[in-house]
Amino acid sequence: MTDDPAAGPVPSAAFAIVIPAYQEAATIAGIVSAVRAAMPGVPLLVVDDGSTDGTGAAAEAAGARVLRLEGNAGKGAALRAGMRTMLAEGASWVLTMDADGQHRAEDLPQLAAAARAHPQAIVIGSRRADQANAPAARRRANRVADFWVSWAAGQFIADSQSGFRAYPAGALAELARYDGADLRFSFESAILIDAARRGFGVAAIDIPALYGAMQRHSHFRPVADITRIVLMVAGRLLARGMDPVGLVRSLRQPRH
């Protein structure tokens, strides 16, 4: 990479940060403070996805701008609402991270540097190098999802279920196509596939797996949600005759 993550603040006109949050009052204030310290001057938007525990108020008290959704619409809808807001305000990249404590704000400068080095790619913070810390059920479920999402995208994708990402604005140009679909956790897989089919790459940086830092049981259900993701991917593959070329490409690329 040509950019030094420690070189200084990222220009606020280029990057924006979106954090979807549902019932995260225990962690959101600390995360907002850490993001502010790691990325000073970069616009930060917390999308409160219908929380009833004071998540939005805690985020505001910590210094975040908050967008509140009516009712719990799901992670995909929260992400899209935040992305639309930041794109409308001129962001060239949208960085995303989860609000449950499993991502480190101090890794955001590295993510931003990778995004600038790969402007035509979605950059994922991959936990593959630190899988020993992941619960066994989550580890197995993520491997299944990685196989199917990589196949449909026609390229190997490391940690397709990580929410720590950098999206170039061009990869988010067709957000309206997902409106009305009950994607929830499937949205992040769907946009990888659809962006890849439109010519965007998928790059990765290594980040630690911090499942032990989470303050509550994950909203992600390994069996049910991975099943929904696989069914979504299968529909896209069937529409392309199962895309055997995509399967070969995804398997031939090196695992990193």
Protein backbone atom coordinates (compact mmCIF):
# COMPACT_ATOMS: atom_id res chain seq x y z
CA MET A 1 0.00 0.00 0.00
CA THR A 2 1.26 3.46 -0.82
CA ASP A 3 -0.56 5.30 1.98
CA ASP A 4 0.76 5.40 5.53
CA PRO A 5 -2.15 4.81 7.97
CA ALA A 6 -0.32 6.84 10.59
CA ALA A 7 0.39 9.82 8.34
CA GLY A 8 -2.35 11.98 9.89
CA PRO A 9 -6.10 12.65 9.81
CA VAL A 10 -7.99 11.47 6.75
CA PRO A 11 -9.60 14.42 4.92
CA SER A 12 -13.21 14.63 6.07
CA ALA A 13 -14.43 15.41 2.55
CA ALA A 14 -13.34 11.96 1.35
CA PHE A 15 -14.46 9.60 4.12
CA ALA A 16 -17.51 9.19 6.30
CA ILE A 17 -18.21 6.59 8.98
CA VAL A 18 -21.53 4.80 9.50
CA ILE A 19 -22.25 2.66 12.56
CA PRO A 20 -25.56 0.74 12.62
CA ALA A 21 -26.69 0.17 16.21
CA TYR A 22 -29.50 -1.77 17.84
CA GLN A 23 -29.70 -2.05 21.63
CA GLU A 24 -26.04 -1.06 22.06
CA ALA A 25 -26.29 1.37 24.99
CA ALA A 26 -23.59 -0.55 26.85
CA THR A 27 -20.93 0.00 24.17
CA ILE A 28 -21.87 2.83 21.83
CA ALA A 29 -20.48 5.76 23.85
CA GLY A 30 -17.05 4.16 24.15
CA ILE A 31 -17.05 3.29 20.46
CA VAL A 32 -17.99 6.83 19.43
CA SER A 33 -15.21 8.28 21.59
CA ALA A 34 -12.69 5.83 20.16
CA VAL A 35 -13.74 6.62 16.58
CA ARG A 36 -13.42 10.35 17.23
CA ALA A 37 -9.89 9.80 18.53
CA ALA A 38 -8.86 7.51 15.66
CA MET A 39 -10.42 9.57 12.82
CA PRO A 40 -10.59 13.21 13.95
CA GLY A 41 -12.60 15.43 11.65
CA VAL A 42 -14.22 12.57 9.74
CA PRO A 43 -18.05 12.70 9.72
CA LEU A 44 -19.57 10.01 11.95
CA LEU A 45 -23.19 8.86 11.79
CA VAL A 46 -24.73 6.35 14.19
CA VAL A 47 -27.94 4.83 12.81
CA ASP A 48 -30.18 3.87 15.73
CA ASP A 49 -32.21 0.95 14.38
CA GLY A 50 -35.23 1.28 16.66
CA SER A 51 -33.40 0.74 19.95
CA THR A 52 -35.37 0.98 23.20
CA ASP A 53 -32.42 1.04 25.61
CA GLY A 54 -31.16 4.58 25.05
CA THR A 55 -28.60 3.74 22.35
CA GLY A 56 -29.29 6.91 20.38
CA ALA A 57 -29.09 9.19 23.40
CA ALA A 58 -25.84 7.58 24.53
CA ALA A 59 -24.33 8.05 21.06
CA GLU A 60 -25.36 11.71 20.98
CA ALA A 61 -23.99 12.34 24.45
CA ALA A 62 -20.66 10.92 23.29
CA GLY A 63 -20.58 13.34 20.37
CA ALA A 64 -22.05 11.39 17.45
CA ARG A 65 -24.65 12.53 15.00
CA VAL A 66 -27.58 10.10 15.20
CA LEU A 67 -30.11 9.04 12.59
CA ARG A 68 -33.09 7.30 14.19
CA LEU A 69 -35.18 4.73 12.32
CA GLU A 70 -38.77 4.00 13.25
CA GLY A 71 -38.83 0.46 14.58
CA ASN A 72 -36.19 -2.22 14.11
CA ALA A 73 -35.71 -2.45 10.34
CA GLY A 74 -32.60 -4.66 10.46
CA LYS A 75 -28.90 -4.11 9.91
CA GLY A 76 -29.17 -3.88 6.13
CA ALA A 77 -31.77 -1.11 6.27
CA ALA A 78 -29.78 0.78 8.90
CA LEU A 79 -26.64 0.59 6.78
CA ARG A 80 -28.45 1.77 3.66
CA ALA A 81 -30.02 4.70 5.49
CA GLY A 82 -26.63 5.78 6.79
CA MET A 83 -24.91 5.26 3.46
CA ARG A 84 -27.51 7.32 1.60
CA THR A 85 -27.14 10.16 4.07
CA MET A 86 -23.37 10.29 3.80
CA LEU A 87 -23.30 9.88 0.02
CA ALA A 88 -25.78 12.74 -0.32
CA GLU A 89 -23.37 14.88 1.68
CA GLY A 90 -20.48 14.13 -0.65
CA ALA A 91 -18.61 11.17 0.83
CA SER A 92 -16.29 9.37 -1.58
CA TRP A 93 -15.96 6.37 0.75
CA VAL A 94 -18.22 5.08 3.51
CA LEU A 95 -16.48 3.19 6.31
CA THR A 96 -18.64 0.89 8.42
CA MET A 97 -18.14 -0.89 11.72
CA ASP A 98 -20.35 -2.69 14.22
CA ALA A 99 -21.49 -1.19 17.51
CA ASP A 100 -21.12 -4.26 19.72
CA GLY A 101 -17.43 -3.90 20.54
CA GLN A 102 -16.00 -6.53 18.18
CA HIS A 103 -14.20 -3.96 16.01
CA ARG A 104 -11.38 -1.63 17.07
CA ALA A 105 -11.67 2.02 16.12
CA GLU A 106 -7.88 2.23 15.99
CA ASP A 107 -7.98 -0.01 12.88
CA LEU A 108 -10.00 2.58 10.93
CA PRO A 109 -6.95 4.53 9.65
CA GLN A 110 -5.55 1.28 8.20
CA LEU A 111 -8.91 0.60 6.57
CA ALA A 112 -9.01 4.10 5.11
CA ALA A 113 -5.46 3.77 3.79
CA ALA A 114 -6.37 0.48 2.10
CA ALA A 115 -9.43 2.10 0.55
CA ARG A 116 -7.31 4.89 -0.92
CA ALA A 117 -4.84 2.31 -2.25
CA HIS A 118 -7.67 0.26 -3.82
CA PRO A 119 -10.22 2.86 -4.99
CA GLN A 120 -12.17 0.37 -7.12
CA ALA A 121 -12.61 -2.21 -4.38
CA ILE A 122 -14.66 -2.82 -1.27
CA VAL A 123 -12.13 -3.34 1.52
CA ILE A 124 -13.01 -5.81 4.28
CA GLY A 125 -11.44 -6.08 7.70
CA SER A 126 -10.83 -9.84 7.73
CA ARG A 127 -10.67 -11.88 10.95
CA ARG A 128 -9.36 -14.97 9.15
CA ALA A 129 -5.89 -14.61 10.64
CA ASP A 130 -7.34 -14.61 14.17
CA GLN A 131 -9.97 -17.33 13.95
CA ALA A 132 -8.88 -19.02 17.19
CA ASN A 133 -10.80 -16.35 19.10
CA ALA A 134 -14.06 -16.92 17.21
CA PRO A 135 -16.81 -19.17 18.62
CA ALA A 136 -16.80 -22.52 16.78
CA ALA A 137 -20.36 -22.14 15.48
CA ARG A 138 -19.64 -18.66 14.14
CA ARG A 139 -16.37 -19.83 12.56
CA ARG A 140 -18.08 -22.69 10.70
CA ALA A 141 -20.98 -20.51 9.61
CA ASN A 142 -18.65 -17.84 8.26
CA ARG A 143 -16.68 -20.40 6.25
CA VAL A 144 -19.89 -21.62 4.63
CA ALA A 145 -20.92 -18.07 3.80
CA ASP A 146 -17.45 -17.24 2.43
CA PHE A 147 -17.63 -20.18 0.00
CA TRP A 148 -21.03 -19.25 -1.39
CA VAL A 149 -20.49 -15.50 -1.53
CA SER A 150 -17.09 -15.94 -3.19
CA TRP A 151 -18.63 -18.24 -5.80
CA ALA A 152 -21.39 -15.80 -6.67
CA ALA A 153 -18.96 -12.86 -6.71
CA GLY A 154 -16.52 -14.72 -8.96
CA GLN A 155 -13.58 -13.93 -6.69
CA PHE A 156 -12.30 -15.08 -3.33
CA ILE A 157 -13.64 -13.00 -0.46
CA ALA A 158 -11.96 -13.20 2.92
CA ASP A 159 -14.48 -12.93 5.78
CA SER A 160 -17.62 -12.08 3.84
CA GLN A 161 -19.53 -11.55 7.11
CA SER A 162 -17.28 -8.88 8.59
CA GLY A 163 -19.02 -5.54 9.02
CA PHE A 164 -15.73 -3.64 9.20
CA ARG A 165 -15.57 -2.29 5.65
CA ALA A 166 -14.74 0.57 3.32
CA TYR A 167 -17.11 1.12 0.40
CA PRO A 168 -16.23 3.41 -2.51
CA ALA A 169 -19.17 5.56 -3.50
CA GLY A 170 -19.45 3.83 -6.86
CA ALA A 171 -20.10 0.47 -5.22
CA LEU A 172 -23.11 2.01 -3.46
CA ALA A 173 -24.67 3.51 -6.57
CA GLU A 174 -27.53 1.00 -6.73
CA LEU A 175 -28.77 0.96 -3.13
CA ALA A 176 -32.37 1.39 -4.28
CA ARG A 177 -32.40 -2.15 -5.69
CA TYR A 178 -32.44 -3.52 -2.12
CA ASP A 179 -35.40 -1.48 -0.92
CA GLY A 180 -38.34 -3.65 0.09
CA ALA A 181 -36.22 -6.81 0.34
CA ASP A 182 -36.01 -8.37 3.80
CA LEU A 183 -32.24 -8.76 3.66
CA ARG A 184 -31.16 -7.68 7.16
CA PHE A 185 -27.79 -9.47 7.62
CA SER A 186 -27.92 -10.68 4.00
CA PHE A 187 -27.46 -7.15 2.65
CA GLU A 188 -23.71 -7.12 3.27
CA SER A 189 -23.32 -10.34 1.29
CA ALA A 190 -25.63 -9.20 -1.50
CA ILE A 191 -23.76 -5.96 -2.09
CA LEU A 192 -20.42 -7.78 -2.29
CA ILE A 193 -21.82 -10.02 -5.02
CA ASP A 194 -23.58 -7.28 -6.94
CA ALA A 195 -20.67 -4.84 -6.77
CA ALA A 196 -18.25 -7.56 -7.91
CA ARG A 197 -20.48 -8.31 -10.89
CA ARG A 198 -20.33 -4.61 -11.77
CA GLY A 199 -16.53 -4.73 -11.85
CA PHE A 200 -15.52 -3.80 -8.32
CA GLY A 201 -12.84 -5.81 -6.57
CA VAL A 202 -12.80 -6.99 -2.97
CA ALA A 203 -9.63 -6.42 -0.93
CA ALA A 204 -8.85 -7.28 2.68
CA ILE A 205 -6.80 -6.16 5.65
CA ASP A 206 -6.25 -8.29 8.77
CA ILE A 207 -8.02 -7.26 11.96
CA PRO A 208 -8.36 -9.11 15.27
CA ALA A 209 -11.46 -11.13 16.18
CA LEU A 210 -12.74 -9.56 19.40
CA TYR A 211 -15.81 -11.65 20.16
CA GLY A 212 -14.95 -11.62 23.86
CA ALA A 213 -15.31 -7.83 23.91
CA MET A 214 -19.01 -7.96 22.99
CA GLN A 215 -21.32 -6.80 25.78
CA ARG A 216 -24.38 -8.82 24.78
CA HIS A 217 -25.36 -11.94 22.85
CA SER A 218 -24.92 -11.38 19.14
CA HIS A 219 -28.01 -10.51 17.10
CA PHE A 220 -26.49 -12.68 14.36
CA ARG A 221 -27.87 -16.24 14.41
CA PRO A 222 -25.27 -18.52 12.79
CA VAL A 223 -27.68 -21.17 11.47
CA ALA A 224 -30.73 -19.09 10.60
CA ASP A 225 -28.90 -16.09 9.16
CA ILE A 226 -26.36 -18.11 7.19
CA THR A 227 -29.26 -20.11 5.74
CA ARG A 228 -30.87 -16.86 4.60
CA ILE A 229 -27.58 -15.75 3.08
CA VAL A 230 -27.07 -19.05 1.25
CA LEU A 231 -30.62 -18.92 -0.13
CA MET A 232 -30.05 -15.35 -1.34
CA VAL A 233 -26.78 -16.37 -2.99
CA ALA A 234 -28.36 -19.47 -4.54
CA GLY A 235 -31.00 -17.30 -6.16
CA ARG A 236 -28.33 -15.14 -7.76
CA LEU A 237 -26.39 -18.21 -8.92
CA LEU A 238 -29.48 -19.87 -10.40
CA ALA A 239 -30.16 -16.69 -12.36
CA ARG A 240 -26.73 -17.20 -13.95
CA GLY A 241 -26.96 -20.92 -14.56
CA MET A 242 -24.94 -21.55 -11.36
CA ASP A 243 -22.02 -19.59 -12.81
CA PRO A 244 -19.36 -22.35 -12.98
CA VAL A 245 -16.78 -19.84 -14.20
CA GLY A 246 -17.30 -17.80 -11.03
CA LEU A 247 -16.77 -20.91 -8.92
CA VAL A 248 -13.48 -21.71 -10.64
CA ARG A 249 -12.25 -18.13 -10.28
CA SER A 250 -13.10 -18.01 -6.58
CA LEU A 251 -11.29 -21.28 -5.90
CA ARG A 252 -8.19 -20.42 -7.92
CA GLN A 253 -7.46 -17.16 -6.14
CA PRO A 254 -5.02 -17.37 -3.21
CA ARG A 255 -6.46 -17.47 0.30
CA HIS A 256 -5.12 -14.59 2.36
